[in-house]
């Protein structure tokens, strides 16, 4: 998989917030479902991908970081060294029980 114009356009579209209204409350949401590869991600990485869309300072940063998240594969524990995993270490379920044990030890 490479960063092509379709991926770039999908990230650009995901960076545009949409309004979501329920119960008289309106919130902004970032829909990442159109980004190629997002459908296969576990929930924790989808949350990370949404945060990338929300917080990246430039579109180029968002594309680069989104691509890193999409390419992310499940690891065997918290010590894998992957930079995406390092950012998402606090998200439960990303690293399984091994990662949670490591968080408890250091807490």
N, C-alpha and C. Protein backbone atom coordinates (compact mmCIF):
# COMPACT_ATOMS: atom_id res chain seq x y z
N UNK A 1 0.85 -1.18 0.00
CA UNK A 1 0.00 0.00 0.00
C UNK A 1 0.90 1.24 0.00
N UNK A 2 0.53 2.20 -0.80
CA UNK A 2 1.29 3.45 -0.88
C UNK A 2 0.34 4.64 -0.70
N UNK A 3 0.93 5.77 -0.41
CA UNK A 3 0.13 6.99 -0.31
C UNK A 3 -0.12 7.49 -1.73
N UNK A 4 -1.35 7.37 -2.18
CA UNK A 4 -1.70 7.86 -3.50
C UNK A 4 -2.71 9.01 -3.36
N UNK A 5 -3.17 9.52 -4.49
CA UNK A 5 -4.08 10.67 -4.44
C UNK A 5 -5.42 10.28 -3.80
N UNK A 6 -5.86 9.04 -3.96
CA UNK A 6 -7.13 8.62 -3.36
C UNK A 6 -7.00 8.62 -1.82
N UNK A 7 -5.86 8.14 -1.31
CA UNK A 7 -5.63 8.13 0.13
C UNK A 7 -5.57 9.57 0.66
N UNK A 8 -4.83 10.41 -0.05
CA UNK A 8 -4.70 11.82 0.33
C UNK A 8 -6.07 12.50 0.35
N UNK A 9 -6.88 12.26 -0.66
CA UNK A 9 -8.21 12.88 -0.73
C UNK A 9 -9.12 12.37 0.39
N UNK A 10 -9.01 11.08 0.72
CA UNK A 10 -9.82 10.50 1.79
C UNK A 10 -9.45 11.11 3.14
N UNK A 11 -8.15 11.32 3.38
CA UNK A 11 -7.71 11.96 4.62
C UNK A 11 -8.19 13.40 4.66
N UNK A 12 -8.09 14.09 3.55
CA UNK A 12 -8.56 15.48 3.49
C UNK A 12 -10.05 15.56 3.81
N UNK A 13 -10.83 14.64 3.28
CA UNK A 13 -12.27 14.61 3.57
C UNK A 13 -12.53 14.29 5.04
N UNK A 14 -11.73 13.39 5.62
CA UNK A 14 -11.92 13.01 7.03
C UNK A 14 -11.53 14.15 7.97
N UNK A 15 -10.67 15.04 7.54
CA UNK A 15 -10.26 16.17 8.39
C UNK A 15 -11.33 17.25 8.48
N UNK A 16 -12.33 17.18 7.64
CA UNK A 16 -13.43 18.14 7.68
C UNK A 16 -14.49 17.62 8.66
N UNK A 17 -14.68 18.28 9.79
CA UNK A 17 -15.63 17.77 10.78
C UNK A 17 -17.08 17.85 10.29
N UNK A 18 -17.86 16.89 10.74
CA UNK A 18 -19.30 16.87 10.44
C UNK A 18 -20.06 17.03 11.74
N UNK A 19 -21.23 17.63 11.64
CA UNK A 19 -22.06 17.81 12.83
C UNK A 19 -22.88 16.56 13.08
N UNK A 20 -22.97 16.17 14.34
CA UNK A 20 -23.77 15.04 14.78
C UNK A 20 -24.67 15.54 15.89
N UNK A 21 -25.98 15.47 15.69
CA UNK A 21 -26.93 15.96 16.68
C UNK A 21 -27.74 14.81 17.25
N UNK A 22 -27.88 14.82 18.57
CA UNK A 22 -28.70 13.82 19.26
C UNK A 22 -29.13 14.40 20.60
N UNK A 23 -30.38 14.24 20.91
CA UNK A 23 -30.89 14.71 22.19
C UNK A 23 -30.72 16.20 22.42
N UNK A 24 -30.77 16.98 21.36
CA UNK A 24 -30.64 18.42 21.48
C UNK A 24 -29.20 18.91 21.62
N UNK A 25 -28.24 18.00 21.52
CA UNK A 25 -26.83 18.36 21.64
C UNK A 25 -26.16 18.13 20.29
N UNK A 26 -25.38 19.09 19.86
CA UNK A 26 -24.66 18.96 18.59
C UNK A 26 -23.17 18.86 18.87
N UNK A 27 -22.55 17.87 18.29
CA UNK A 27 -21.11 17.65 18.44
C UNK A 27 -20.47 17.56 17.06
N UNK A 28 -19.17 17.76 17.01
CA UNK A 28 -18.43 17.58 15.77
C UNK A 28 -17.81 16.19 15.77
N UNK A 29 -17.85 15.51 14.63
CA UNK A 29 -17.23 14.20 14.52
C UNK A 29 -16.35 14.15 13.28
N UNK A 30 -15.36 13.30 13.31
CA UNK A 30 -14.44 13.11 12.19
C UNK A 30 -14.66 11.71 11.67
N UNK A 31 -15.25 11.59 10.50
CA UNK A 31 -15.60 10.30 9.92
C UNK A 31 -14.40 9.75 9.15
N UNK A 32 -13.77 8.72 9.69
CA UNK A 32 -12.59 8.13 9.07
C UNK A 32 -12.93 6.90 8.24
N UNK A 33 -14.21 6.58 8.11
CA UNK A 33 -14.61 5.35 7.41
C UNK A 33 -14.24 5.37 5.92
N UNK A 34 -14.03 6.54 5.34
CA UNK A 34 -13.68 6.62 3.93
C UNK A 34 -12.20 6.45 3.64
N UNK A 35 -11.38 6.39 4.68
CA UNK A 35 -9.94 6.22 4.48
C UNK A 35 -9.67 4.76 4.14
N UNK A 36 -8.98 4.49 3.03
CA UNK A 36 -8.70 3.10 2.65
C UNK A 36 -7.94 2.36 3.76
N UNK A 37 -8.45 1.21 4.15
CA UNK A 37 -7.82 0.40 5.19
C UNK A 37 -8.41 0.60 6.57
N UNK A 38 -9.22 1.63 6.77
CA UNK A 38 -9.77 1.91 8.09
C UNK A 38 -10.76 0.83 8.54
N UNK A 39 -11.42 0.19 7.63
CA UNK A 39 -12.44 -0.80 7.98
C UNK A 39 -11.85 -2.01 8.70
N UNK A 40 -10.58 -2.31 8.48
CA UNK A 40 -9.97 -3.50 9.10
C UNK A 40 -9.32 -3.20 10.45
N UNK A 41 -9.30 -1.94 10.87
CA UNK A 41 -8.63 -1.56 12.11
C UNK A 41 -9.46 -1.92 13.35
N UNK A 42 -8.78 -2.33 14.42
CA UNK A 42 -9.50 -2.50 15.69
C UNK A 42 -9.96 -1.14 16.22
N UNK A 43 -10.92 -1.17 17.11
CA UNK A 43 -11.52 0.06 17.62
C UNK A 43 -10.49 1.03 18.21
N UNK A 44 -9.51 0.52 18.93
CA UNK A 44 -8.51 1.40 19.56
C UNK A 44 -7.74 2.19 18.50
N UNK A 45 -7.41 1.55 17.38
CA UNK A 45 -6.70 2.26 16.32
C UNK A 45 -7.62 3.21 15.57
N UNK A 46 -8.92 2.90 15.50
CA UNK A 46 -9.86 3.86 14.90
C UNK A 46 -9.92 5.14 15.73
N UNK A 47 -9.89 4.99 17.04
CA UNK A 47 -9.88 6.16 17.93
C UNK A 47 -8.61 6.97 17.68
N UNK A 48 -7.48 6.27 17.57
CA UNK A 48 -6.22 6.95 17.29
C UNK A 48 -6.27 7.65 15.93
N UNK A 49 -6.85 7.01 14.92
CA UNK A 49 -6.97 7.61 13.60
C UNK A 49 -7.84 8.86 13.64
N UNK A 50 -8.95 8.81 14.38
CA UNK A 50 -9.80 9.99 14.53
C UNK A 50 -9.04 11.13 15.20
N UNK A 51 -8.25 10.80 16.21
CA UNK A 51 -7.46 11.83 16.89
C UNK A 51 -6.40 12.42 15.97
N UNK A 52 -5.83 11.62 15.10
CA UNK A 52 -4.88 12.14 14.11
C UNK A 52 -5.58 13.16 13.22
N UNK A 53 -6.80 12.85 12.78
CA UNK A 53 -7.54 13.78 11.92
C UNK A 53 -7.82 15.08 12.66
N UNK A 54 -8.15 14.96 13.92
CA UNK A 54 -8.53 16.13 14.72
C UNK A 54 -7.33 17.00 15.08
N UNK A 55 -6.19 16.39 15.38
CA UNK A 55 -5.09 17.14 15.99
C UNK A 55 -3.88 17.40 15.10
N UNK A 56 -3.81 16.80 13.93
CA UNK A 56 -2.65 17.03 13.06
C UNK A 56 -2.60 18.50 12.66
N UNK A 57 -1.39 19.08 12.66
CA UNK A 57 -1.27 20.50 12.38
C UNK A 57 -1.40 20.82 10.90
N UNK A 58 -0.95 19.92 10.03
CA UNK A 58 -1.06 20.14 8.59
C UNK A 58 -1.67 18.92 7.93
N UNK A 59 -2.16 19.09 6.73
CA UNK A 59 -2.71 17.96 5.99
C UNK A 59 -1.64 16.92 5.69
N UNK A 60 -0.43 17.38 5.40
CA UNK A 60 0.66 16.44 5.11
C UNK A 60 0.99 15.59 6.34
N UNK A 61 0.98 16.22 7.53
CA UNK A 61 1.18 15.46 8.77
C UNK A 61 0.06 14.45 8.97
N UNK A 62 -1.17 14.86 8.71
CA UNK A 62 -2.32 13.97 8.87
C UNK A 62 -2.22 12.77 7.93
N UNK A 63 -1.82 13.01 6.69
CA UNK A 63 -1.68 11.92 5.72
C UNK A 63 -0.59 10.96 6.17
N UNK A 64 0.54 11.48 6.58
CA UNK A 64 1.67 10.65 7.00
C UNK A 64 1.30 9.82 8.25
N UNK A 65 0.70 10.46 9.23
CA UNK A 65 0.33 9.76 10.46
C UNK A 65 -0.80 8.76 10.22
N UNK A 66 -1.78 9.13 9.40
CA UNK A 66 -2.88 8.21 9.08
C UNK A 66 -2.34 6.97 8.38
N UNK A 67 -1.39 7.15 7.50
CA UNK A 67 -0.78 6.03 6.79
C UNK A 67 -0.08 5.10 7.77
N UNK A 68 0.58 5.67 8.77
CA UNK A 68 1.24 4.85 9.80
C UNK A 68 0.22 4.03 10.59
N UNK A 69 -0.91 4.64 10.91
CA UNK A 69 -1.94 3.93 11.66
C UNK A 69 -2.54 2.81 10.81
N UNK A 70 -2.81 3.10 9.54
CA UNK A 70 -3.40 2.09 8.65
C UNK A 70 -2.47 0.90 8.49
N UNK A 71 -1.17 1.14 8.42
CA UNK A 71 -0.21 0.05 8.24
C UNK A 71 0.06 -0.72 9.53
N UNK A 72 -0.43 -0.23 10.64
CA UNK A 72 -0.16 -0.84 11.94
C UNK A 72 -0.72 -2.26 11.98
N UNK A 73 0.09 -3.17 12.50
CA UNK A 73 -0.35 -4.55 12.69
C UNK A 73 -0.35 -4.84 14.18
N UNK A 74 -1.20 -5.77 14.62
CA UNK A 74 -1.20 -6.13 16.04
C UNK A 74 0.18 -6.62 16.46
N UNK A 75 0.59 -6.23 17.65
CA UNK A 75 1.90 -6.65 18.14
C UNK A 75 1.74 -7.70 19.23
N UNK A 76 2.86 -8.16 19.75
CA UNK A 76 2.83 -9.20 20.78
C UNK A 76 2.94 -8.62 22.19
N UNK A 77 3.05 -7.33 22.32
CA UNK A 77 3.17 -6.75 23.65
C UNK A 77 3.58 -5.30 23.60
N UNK A 78 3.65 -4.70 24.75
CA UNK A 78 3.92 -3.26 24.84
C UNK A 78 5.34 -2.89 24.45
N UNK A 79 6.23 -3.85 24.36
CA UNK A 79 7.63 -3.54 24.06
C UNK A 79 8.00 -3.70 22.61
N UNK A 80 7.04 -3.59 21.70
CA UNK A 80 7.34 -3.87 20.29
C UNK A 80 8.15 -2.75 19.64
N UNK A 81 8.09 -1.53 20.16
CA UNK A 81 8.87 -0.42 19.63
C UNK A 81 8.21 0.34 18.49
N UNK A 82 7.04 -0.05 18.04
CA UNK A 82 6.35 0.64 16.96
C UNK A 82 5.90 2.01 17.46
N UNK A 83 6.16 3.08 16.69
CA UNK A 83 5.84 4.43 17.16
C UNK A 83 4.34 4.67 17.26
N UNK A 84 3.54 4.01 16.41
CA UNK A 84 2.09 4.15 16.54
C UNK A 84 1.64 3.51 17.84
N UNK A 85 2.17 2.34 18.16
CA UNK A 85 1.81 1.69 19.40
C UNK A 85 2.26 2.51 20.60
N UNK A 86 3.40 3.15 20.50
CA UNK A 86 3.88 3.97 21.61
C UNK A 86 2.91 5.11 21.90
N UNK A 87 2.33 5.69 20.87
CA UNK A 87 1.37 6.78 21.07
C UNK A 87 0.06 6.29 21.63
N UNK A 88 -0.31 5.07 21.28
CA UNK A 88 -1.61 4.54 21.66
C UNK A 88 -1.54 3.60 22.85
N UNK A 89 -0.42 3.54 23.52
CA UNK A 89 -0.23 2.56 24.59
C UNK A 89 -1.30 2.66 25.67
N UNK A 90 -1.84 3.84 25.90
CA UNK A 90 -2.83 4.00 26.96
C UNK A 90 -4.22 3.55 26.54
N UNK A 91 -4.41 3.18 25.29
CA UNK A 91 -5.72 2.73 24.84
C UNK A 91 -5.89 1.25 25.17
N UNK A 92 -6.84 0.90 26.04
CA UNK A 92 -7.04 -0.50 26.40
C UNK A 92 -7.37 -1.35 25.18
N UNK A 93 -6.85 -2.56 25.17
CA UNK A 93 -7.16 -3.49 24.10
C UNK A 93 -6.17 -3.47 22.97
N UNK A 94 -5.38 -2.43 22.82
CA UNK A 94 -4.46 -2.35 21.70
C UNK A 94 -3.35 -3.38 21.83
N UNK A 95 -2.85 -3.54 23.04
CA UNK A 95 -1.73 -4.46 23.24
C UNK A 95 -2.14 -5.73 23.98
N UNK A 96 -3.42 -5.90 24.25
CA UNK A 96 -3.87 -7.10 24.93
C UNK A 96 -3.45 -7.11 26.39
N UNK A 97 -3.51 -8.29 26.96
CA UNK A 97 -3.21 -8.42 28.39
C UNK A 97 -1.76 -8.09 28.71
N UNK A 98 -0.84 -8.42 27.82
CA UNK A 98 0.57 -8.14 28.10
C UNK A 98 0.80 -6.65 28.29
N UNK A 99 0.19 -5.84 27.44
CA UNK A 99 0.34 -4.40 27.56
C UNK A 99 -0.31 -3.85 28.81
N UNK A 100 -1.47 -4.40 29.17
CA UNK A 100 -2.15 -3.93 30.37
C UNK A 100 -1.36 -4.32 31.62
N UNK A 101 -0.74 -5.50 31.63
CA UNK A 101 0.11 -5.88 32.76
C UNK A 101 1.24 -4.89 32.92
N UNK A 102 1.86 -4.50 31.79
CA UNK A 102 2.95 -3.54 31.83
C UNK A 102 2.49 -2.19 32.36
N UNK A 103 1.28 -1.77 31.99
CA UNK A 103 0.77 -0.49 32.49
C UNK A 103 0.52 -0.55 33.98
N UNK A 104 0.01 -1.68 34.48
CA UNK A 104 -0.25 -1.81 35.90
C UNK A 104 1.05 -1.77 36.71
N UNK A 105 2.10 -2.39 36.19
CA UNK A 105 3.36 -2.42 36.90
C UNK A 105 3.95 -1.03 37.05
N UNK A 106 3.76 -0.19 36.03
CA UNK A 106 4.38 1.13 36.03
C UNK A 106 3.46 2.21 36.61
N UNK A 107 2.25 1.85 36.95
CA UNK A 107 1.30 2.85 37.45
C UNK A 107 1.55 3.17 38.90
